[in-house]
């Protein structure tokens, strides 16, 4: 069993896959399994990847390359990669991003030392060949971090830049879901963090590319918004099932309001959200926000109430 499996979906990244793969194959940590999934890309991404693999013969036996028969989207590609992997730890890397060459080594050392289920590292934006902004790992307590995730748009819900203990994911059946591509990170991370013992290091372990406008989920289409609503429902249903004490109910309500805000901003009928999200908001302020949107209030006016309430809620959780 390899120590780490790095999972990489491939679609439309012929400009970036060589640089991404180079940083994966040049890792200082030796015991890595690489699982690439070709999600029916229409460009030369796979050809370029294979050429790059040939330049690293010492890594060639560690590479698994899977071909989808039809496009399954980001969630489906990640799921395929996980099912084919064998590592004790799992890392997700998007095929247009990069890793510092000691990233895996630092994350594994921290995981082994701490015994944590997830080790979270810092990341830096990558644009025009250089880093532009550093983002440290969130140092919040477990409950505070979980509440922030559920509220949405407060802390990063990225699936990458972290290492996950495999048995955590398998024991709780938490995987990426085919059909959830936009907000796919949220659908996984907001669920897995519920159970996880998290540890963090402030070292940069990931470079997030900011200058790729052709990635899986860049555009705000109705298809992507539908995916976001599915992610919201998946997470809300999960919280209803597991949170018997209602610790995270208000945070979940706030996150669900965001789905209605997004629909209104993009001029989608709110019935579209209703048809996907069967979770029903209970907090009076959150219910009022949705009711005002149904009555045709402008989003910018509803936002005044929504953002004020969210801020008050977050100030309260910091005091707990």
Protein backbone atom coordinates (compact mmCIF):
# COMPACT_ATOMS: atom_id res chain seq x y z
CA UNK A 1 0.00 0.00 0.00
CA UNK A 2 1.50 3.37 -1.01
CA UNK A 3 1.77 6.03 1.67
CA UNK A 4 0.07 8.72 -0.43
CA UNK A 5 -2.17 8.72 -3.48
CA UNK A 6 -2.36 11.97 -5.44
CA UNK A 7 -5.60 12.19 -7.44
CA UNK A 8 -5.66 14.36 -10.55
CA UNK A 9 -8.67 14.83 -12.90
CA UNK A 10 -7.74 15.88 -16.44
CA UNK A 11 -9.86 18.02 -18.71
CA UNK A 12 -8.84 20.91 -20.96
CA UNK A 13 -5.44 21.61 -19.40
CA UNK A 14 -2.97 21.20 -22.26
CA UNK A 15 -1.37 24.54 -21.34
CA UNK A 16 -0.80 23.54 -17.73
CA UNK A 17 -0.56 19.76 -17.29
CA UNK A 18 3.18 19.52 -17.99
CA UNK A 19 4.10 22.01 -15.29
CA UNK A 20 1.62 20.44 -12.87
CA UNK A 21 2.93 16.90 -13.45
CA UNK A 22 6.54 18.02 -13.15
CA UNK A 23 5.93 19.34 -9.66
CA UNK A 24 4.20 16.08 -8.73
CA UNK A 25 6.95 13.82 -10.04
CA UNK A 26 9.71 15.95 -8.50
CA UNK A 27 8.36 15.63 -4.97
CA UNK A 28 11.00 14.96 -2.31
CA UNK A 29 8.75 12.23 -0.87
CA UNK A 30 9.26 8.91 -2.66
CA UNK A 31 6.31 6.65 -1.81
CA UNK A 32 3.59 8.28 -3.91
CA UNK A 33 0.95 6.75 -6.17
CA UNK A 34 -0.31 9.06 -8.94
CA UNK A 35 -3.84 8.52 -10.25
CA UNK A 36 -4.78 10.58 -13.30
CA UNK A 37 -8.28 10.40 -14.79
CA UNK A 38 -8.83 11.51 -18.37
CA UNK A 39 -12.39 12.82 -18.32
CA UNK A 40 -12.66 12.75 -22.14
CA UNK A 41 -10.61 15.89 -22.64
CA UNK A 42 -10.76 17.22 -26.21
CA UNK A 43 -7.26 18.69 -26.29
CA UNK A 44 -3.70 17.31 -26.05
CA UNK A 45 -3.64 17.13 -22.25
CA UNK A 46 -3.16 13.34 -22.07
CA UNK A 47 -0.56 13.27 -24.83
CA UNK A 48 1.46 15.94 -23.02
CA UNK A 49 1.05 14.11 -19.70
CA UNK A 50 2.36 10.88 -21.22
CA UNK A 51 5.37 12.72 -22.63
CA UNK A 52 6.02 14.16 -19.19
CA UNK A 53 5.75 10.74 -17.54
CA UNK A 54 8.38 9.43 -19.97
CA UNK A 55 10.79 12.08 -18.69
CA UNK A 56 10.52 10.67 -15.16
CA UNK A 57 11.24 6.92 -15.55
CA UNK A 58 11.74 6.55 -11.79
CA UNK A 59 8.07 7.51 -11.28
CA UNK A 60 6.56 5.67 -14.24
CA UNK A 61 5.62 2.53 -12.31
CA UNK A 62 3.82 4.69 -9.74
CA UNK A 63 1.43 6.20 -12.30
CA UNK A 64 -2.12 5.03 -13.02
CA UNK A 65 -3.86 6.66 -15.99
CA UNK A 66 -7.59 5.97 -16.33
CA UNK A 67 -9.70 6.78 -19.38
CA UNK A 68 -13.39 7.61 -18.91
CA UNK A 69 -15.67 6.29 -21.65
CA UNK A 70 -17.75 9.44 -21.38
CA UNK A 71 -17.37 12.74 -19.60
CA UNK A 72 -18.44 12.49 -15.95
CA UNK A 73 -17.46 15.94 -14.74
CA UNK A 74 -15.18 16.89 -11.87
CA UNK A 75 -17.10 15.01 -9.18
CA UNK A 76 -17.19 11.84 -11.27
CA UNK A 77 -13.49 12.09 -12.14
CA UNK A 78 -12.47 12.52 -8.51
CA UNK A 79 -14.66 9.57 -7.53
CA UNK A 80 -13.07 7.36 -10.19
CA UNK A 81 -9.59 8.37 -9.04
CA UNK A 82 -10.35 7.59 -5.40
CA UNK A 83 -11.82 4.19 -6.25
CA UNK A 84 -8.65 3.26 -8.14
CA UNK A 85 -6.25 4.54 -5.48
CA UNK A 86 -4.61 2.53 -2.68
CA UNK A 87 -2.74 5.09 -0.56
CA UNK A 88 -3.09 5.43 3.22
CA UNK A 89 -3.39 9.15 2.64
CA UNK A 90 -5.21 10.98 -0.14
CA UNK A 91 -4.31 14.28 -1.79
CA UNK A 92 -6.33 16.09 -4.44
CA UNK A 93 -4.53 18.20 -7.02
CA UNK A 94 -6.22 20.10 -9.84
CA UNK A 95 -4.38 19.57 -13.11
CA UNK A 96 -3.69 23.25 -13.71
CA UNK A 97 -2.16 23.83 -10.27
CA UNK A 98 1.27 23.11 -8.80
CA UNK A 99 2.90 21.81 -5.62
CA UNK A 100 6.03 23.03 -3.84
CA UNK A 101 8.53 20.20 -4.18
CA UNK A 102 8.46 19.34 -0.46
CA UNK A 103 4.68 19.63 -0.02
CA UNK A 104 3.90 15.92 0.31
CA UNK A 105 6.81 15.32 2.67
CA UNK A 106 5.70 18.11 5.00
CA UNK A 107 2.07 17.00 5.05
CA UNK A 108 2.91 13.34 5.68
CA UNK A 109 5.32 14.21 8.49
CA UNK A 110 2.67 16.37 10.14
CA UNK A 111 0.03 13.65 9.76
CA UNK A 112 2.27 10.96 11.25
CA UNK A 113 3.38 13.20 14.11
CA UNK A 114 -0.10 14.46 15.02
CA UNK A 115 -2.19 11.39 14.26
CA UNK A 116 -4.70 13.74 12.64
CA UNK A 117 -7.30 12.68 10.10
CA UNK A 118 -6.65 15.76 7.98
CA UNK A 119 -3.60 18.00 7.79
CA UNK A 120 -4.28 21.42 6.33
CA UNK A 121 -1.51 23.58 4.87
CA UNK A 122 -1.20 27.10 3.59
CA UNK A 123 -1.48 27.89 -0.09
CA UNK A 124 -0.44 30.69 -2.41
CA UNK A 125 -2.07 32.11 -5.51
CA UNK A 126 -0.09 31.52 -8.70
CA UNK A 127 -0.45 33.98 -11.55
CA UNK A 128 1.74 34.74 -14.54
CA UNK A 129 4.50 32.48 -13.28
CA UNK A 130 4.77 33.77 -9.75
CA UNK A 131 3.07 33.67 -6.37
CA UNK A 132 0.90 36.68 -5.63
CA UNK A 133 -0.87 36.11 -2.31
CA UNK A 134 -0.34 33.77 0.64
CA UNK A 135 -3.30 32.17 2.42
CA UNK A 136 -2.49 30.56 5.80
CA UNK A 137 -4.33 27.52 7.05
CA UNK A 138 -7.38 28.30 9.21
CA UNK A 139 -6.49 27.93 12.90
CA UNK A 140 -10.08 27.74 14.15
CA UNK A 141 -11.39 25.19 16.62
CA UNK A 142 -13.27 22.21 15.19
CA UNK A 143 -16.76 23.61 15.83
CA UNK A 144 -15.90 27.14 14.71
CA UNK A 145 -14.36 25.90 11.48
CA UNK A 146 -17.31 23.61 10.77
CA UNK A 147 -19.77 26.45 11.32
CA UNK A 148 -17.81 28.71 8.99
CA UNK A 149 -17.83 26.04 6.30
CA UNK A 150 -21.58 25.59 6.58
CA UNK A 151 -22.25 29.34 6.46
CA UNK A 152 -20.34 29.47 3.14
CA UNK A 153 -18.16 32.29 1.80
CA UNK A 154 -16.37 32.85 5.11
CA UNK A 155 -13.53 30.34 5.02
CA UNK A 156 -12.06 28.31 2.18
CA UNK A 157 -13.78 24.99 1.52
CA UNK A 158 -11.06 23.82 -0.88
CA UNK A 159 -10.55 20.08 -1.27
CA UNK A 160 -6.89 20.55 -2.25
CA UNK A 161 -3.93 21.74 -0.17
CA UNK A 162 -4.70 19.06 2.41
CA UNK A 163 -3.92 15.44 3.12
CA UNK A 164 -6.73 13.09 4.18
CA UNK A 165 -6.47 9.80 6.01
CA UNK A 166 -8.05 7.24 3.71
CA UNK A 167 -9.91 5.34 6.39
CA UNK A 168 -11.68 8.53 7.50
CA UNK A 169 -13.27 8.83 4.06
CA UNK A 170 -14.04 5.13 3.73
CA UNK A 171 -15.41 4.65 7.25
CA UNK A 172 -17.95 7.44 6.75
CA UNK A 173 -18.62 6.89 3.05
CA UNK A 174 -17.70 10.43 2.05
CA UNK A 175 -16.71 10.70 -1.59
CA UNK A 176 -17.00 13.11 -4.48
CA UNK A 177 -20.34 12.75 -6.25
CA UNK A 178 -20.87 12.51 -9.99
CA UNK A 179 -23.11 15.38 -11.06
CA UNK A 180 -21.76 17.76 -8.43
CA UNK A 181 -18.95 19.66 -10.12
CA UNK A 182 -19.46 23.28 -9.18
CA UNK A 183 -19.18 23.46 -5.34
CA UNK A 184 -17.79 19.92 -5.40
CA UNK A 185 -15.22 20.94 -2.79
CA UNK A 186 -17.95 22.14 -0.43
CA UNK A 187 -19.94 18.93 -0.87
CA UNK A 188 -16.98 16.86 0.34
CA UNK A 189 -15.16 19.10 2.81
CA UNK A 190 -18.21 20.27 4.77
CA UNK A 191 -19.11 16.62 5.40
CA UNK A 192 -15.70 15.12 6.09
CA UNK A 193 -14.68 17.89 8.49
CA UNK A 194 -17.66 16.98 10.67
CA UNK A 195 -15.84 13.81 11.75
CA UNK A 196 -12.22 14.84 11.34
CA UNK A 197 -9.46 15.55 13.79
CA UNK A 198 -7.72 18.38 11.95
CA UNK A 199 -4.13 19.58 12.25
CA UNK A 200 -2.60 22.48 10.39
CA UNK A 201 0.79 23.74 9.28
CA UNK A 202 1.49 27.18 7.89
CA UNK A 203 3.95 26.03 5.24
CA UNK A 204 2.80 26.62 1.67
CA UNK A 205 1.86 23.20 0.29
CA UNK A 206 -0.09 24.24 -2.80
CA UNK A 207 0.02 26.82 -5.59
CA UNK A 208 -3.46 27.70 -6.86
CA UNK A 209 -3.49 28.97 -10.43
CA UNK A 210 -5.53 32.14 -10.87
CA UNK A 211 -4.99 32.68 -14.60
CA UNK A 212 -6.83 29.66 -16.06
CA UNK A 213 -10.26 30.67 -17.34
CA UNK A 214 -10.97 27.31 -19.00
CA UNK A 215 -11.15 25.09 -15.93
CA UNK A 216 -14.03 22.71 -15.10
CA UNK A 217 -16.04 25.20 -13.07
CA UNK A 218 -15.03 28.69 -14.13
CA UNK A 219 -18.29 29.87 -15.71
CA UNK A 220 -21.48 30.63 -13.79
CA UNK A 221 -23.92 28.67 -15.96
CA UNK A 222 -27.32 27.29 -15.01
CA UNK A 223 -25.73 23.84 -15.03
CA UNK A 224 -23.12 24.94 -12.50
CA UNK A 225 -25.71 26.67 -10.34
CA UNK A 226 -27.77 23.48 -10.34
CA UNK A 227 -24.64 21.66 -9.18
CA UNK A 228 -24.22 24.21 -6.38
CA UNK A 229 -27.81 23.66 -5.23
CA UNK A 230 -27.23 19.89 -5.21
CA UNK A 231 -24.13 20.40 -3.06
CA UNK A 232 -26.10 22.57 -0.62
CA UNK A 233 -28.82 19.92 -0.32
CA UNK A 234 -26.30 17.10 0.12
CA UNK A 235 -24.55 18.91 2.97
CA UNK A 236 -27.77 20.09 4.62
CA UNK A 237 -29.24 16.59 4.51
CA UNK A 238 -26.02 15.23 6.02
CA UNK A 239 -26.19 17.73 8.90
CA UNK A 240 -29.84 16.87 9.54
CA UNK A 241 -28.90 13.20 9.74
CA UNK A 242 -25.91 13.55 12.08
CA UNK A 243 -26.36 16.75 14.09
CA UNK A 244 -28.92 15.52 16.62
CA UNK A 245 -28.19 18.36 19.05
CA UNK A 246 -28.69 21.07 16.45
CA UNK A 247 -25.22 22.54 16.99
CA UNK A 248 -24.85 23.41 13.32
CA UNK A 249 -28.47 24.09 12.38
CA UNK A 250 -28.21 27.88 12.21
CA UNK A 251 -25.00 27.73 10.19
CA UNK A 252 -26.68 25.31 7.78
CA UNK A 253 -29.66 27.66 7.46
CA UNK A 254 -27.33 30.56 6.63
CA UNK A 255 -25.64 28.45 3.98
CA UNK A 256 -28.98 27.50 2.45
CA UNK A 257 -30.01 31.15 2.21
CA UNK A 258 -26.91 31.61 0.08
CA UNK A 259 -28.36 29.20 -2.49
CA UNK A 260 -31.43 31.41 -2.84
CA UNK A 261 -29.29 34.55 -3.02
CA UNK A 262 -27.20 33.05 -5.81
CA UNK A 263 -30.32 32.05 -7.75
CA UNK A 264 -31.79 35.54 -7.42
CA UNK A 265 -28.51 37.19 -8.44
CA UNK A 266 -28.38 35.06 -11.58
CA UNK A 267 -32.08 35.65 -12.34
CA UNK A 268 -33.08 32.03 -11.86
CA UNK A 269 -36.55 31.35 -10.46
CA UNK A 270 -36.35 30.43 -6.79
CA UNK A 271 -38.50 27.42 -7.58
CA UNK A 272 -35.35 25.98 -9.16
CA UNK A 273 -33.78 25.90 -5.70
CA UNK A 274 -37.00 24.52 -4.19
CA UNK A 275 -37.00 21.64 -6.67
CA UNK A 276 -33.52 20.52 -5.58
CA UNK A 277 -33.23 21.60 -1.96
CA UNK A 278 -35.77 19.77 0.19
CA UNK A 279 -34.07 21.01 3.37
CA UNK A 280 -36.27 23.58 5.06
CA UNK A 281 -34.75 26.57 6.81
CA UNK A 282 -36.02 27.12 10.37
CA UNK A 283 -34.23 30.19 11.73
CA UNK A 284 -36.60 33.20 11.58
CA UNK A 285 -34.05 35.61 10.08
CA UNK A 286 -33.05 33.14 7.39
CA UNK A 287 -36.69 32.41 6.60
CA UNK A 288 -37.30 36.16 6.31
CA UNK A 289 -34.42 36.57 3.86
CA UNK A 290 -35.85 33.88 1.59
CA UNK A 291 -39.38 35.29 1.91
CA UNK A 292 -38.18 38.75 0.87
CA UNK A 293 -36.45 37.30 -2.18
CA UNK A 294 -39.69 35.51 -3.10
CA UNK A 295 -41.52 38.82 -2.89
CA UNK A 296 -39.16 40.32 -5.43
CA UNK A 297 -36.90 42.35 -3.17
CA UNK A 298 -33.58 43.24 -4.74
CA UNK A 299 -30.72 41.00 -3.68
CA UNK A 300 -28.62 43.97 -2.60
CA UNK A 301 -31.32 44.95 -0.10
CA UNK A 302 -31.80 41.43 1.25
CA UNK A 303 -28.02 41.19 1.55
CA UNK A 304 -28.02 43.95 4.15
CA UNK A 305 -30.07 41.76 6.49
CA UNK A 306 -28.37 38.51 5.50
CA UNK A 307 -24.79 39.75 5.90
CA UNK A 308 -25.57 41.54 9.16
CA UNK A 309 -27.09 38.39 10.64
CA UNK A 310 -24.22 36.24 9.40
CA UNK A 311 -21.71 38.62 10.95
CA UNK A 312 -23.52 38.63 14.30
CA UNK A 313 -23.70 34.84 14.24
CA UNK A 314 -19.99 34.53 13.57
CA UNK A 315 -19.12 36.96 16.34
CA UNK A 316 -21.16 34.79 18.67
CA UNK A 317 -19.42 31.54 17.72
CA UNK A 318 -16.00 33.10 18.32
CA UNK A 319 -17.04 33.72 21.93
CA UNK A 320 -18.05 30.10 22.55
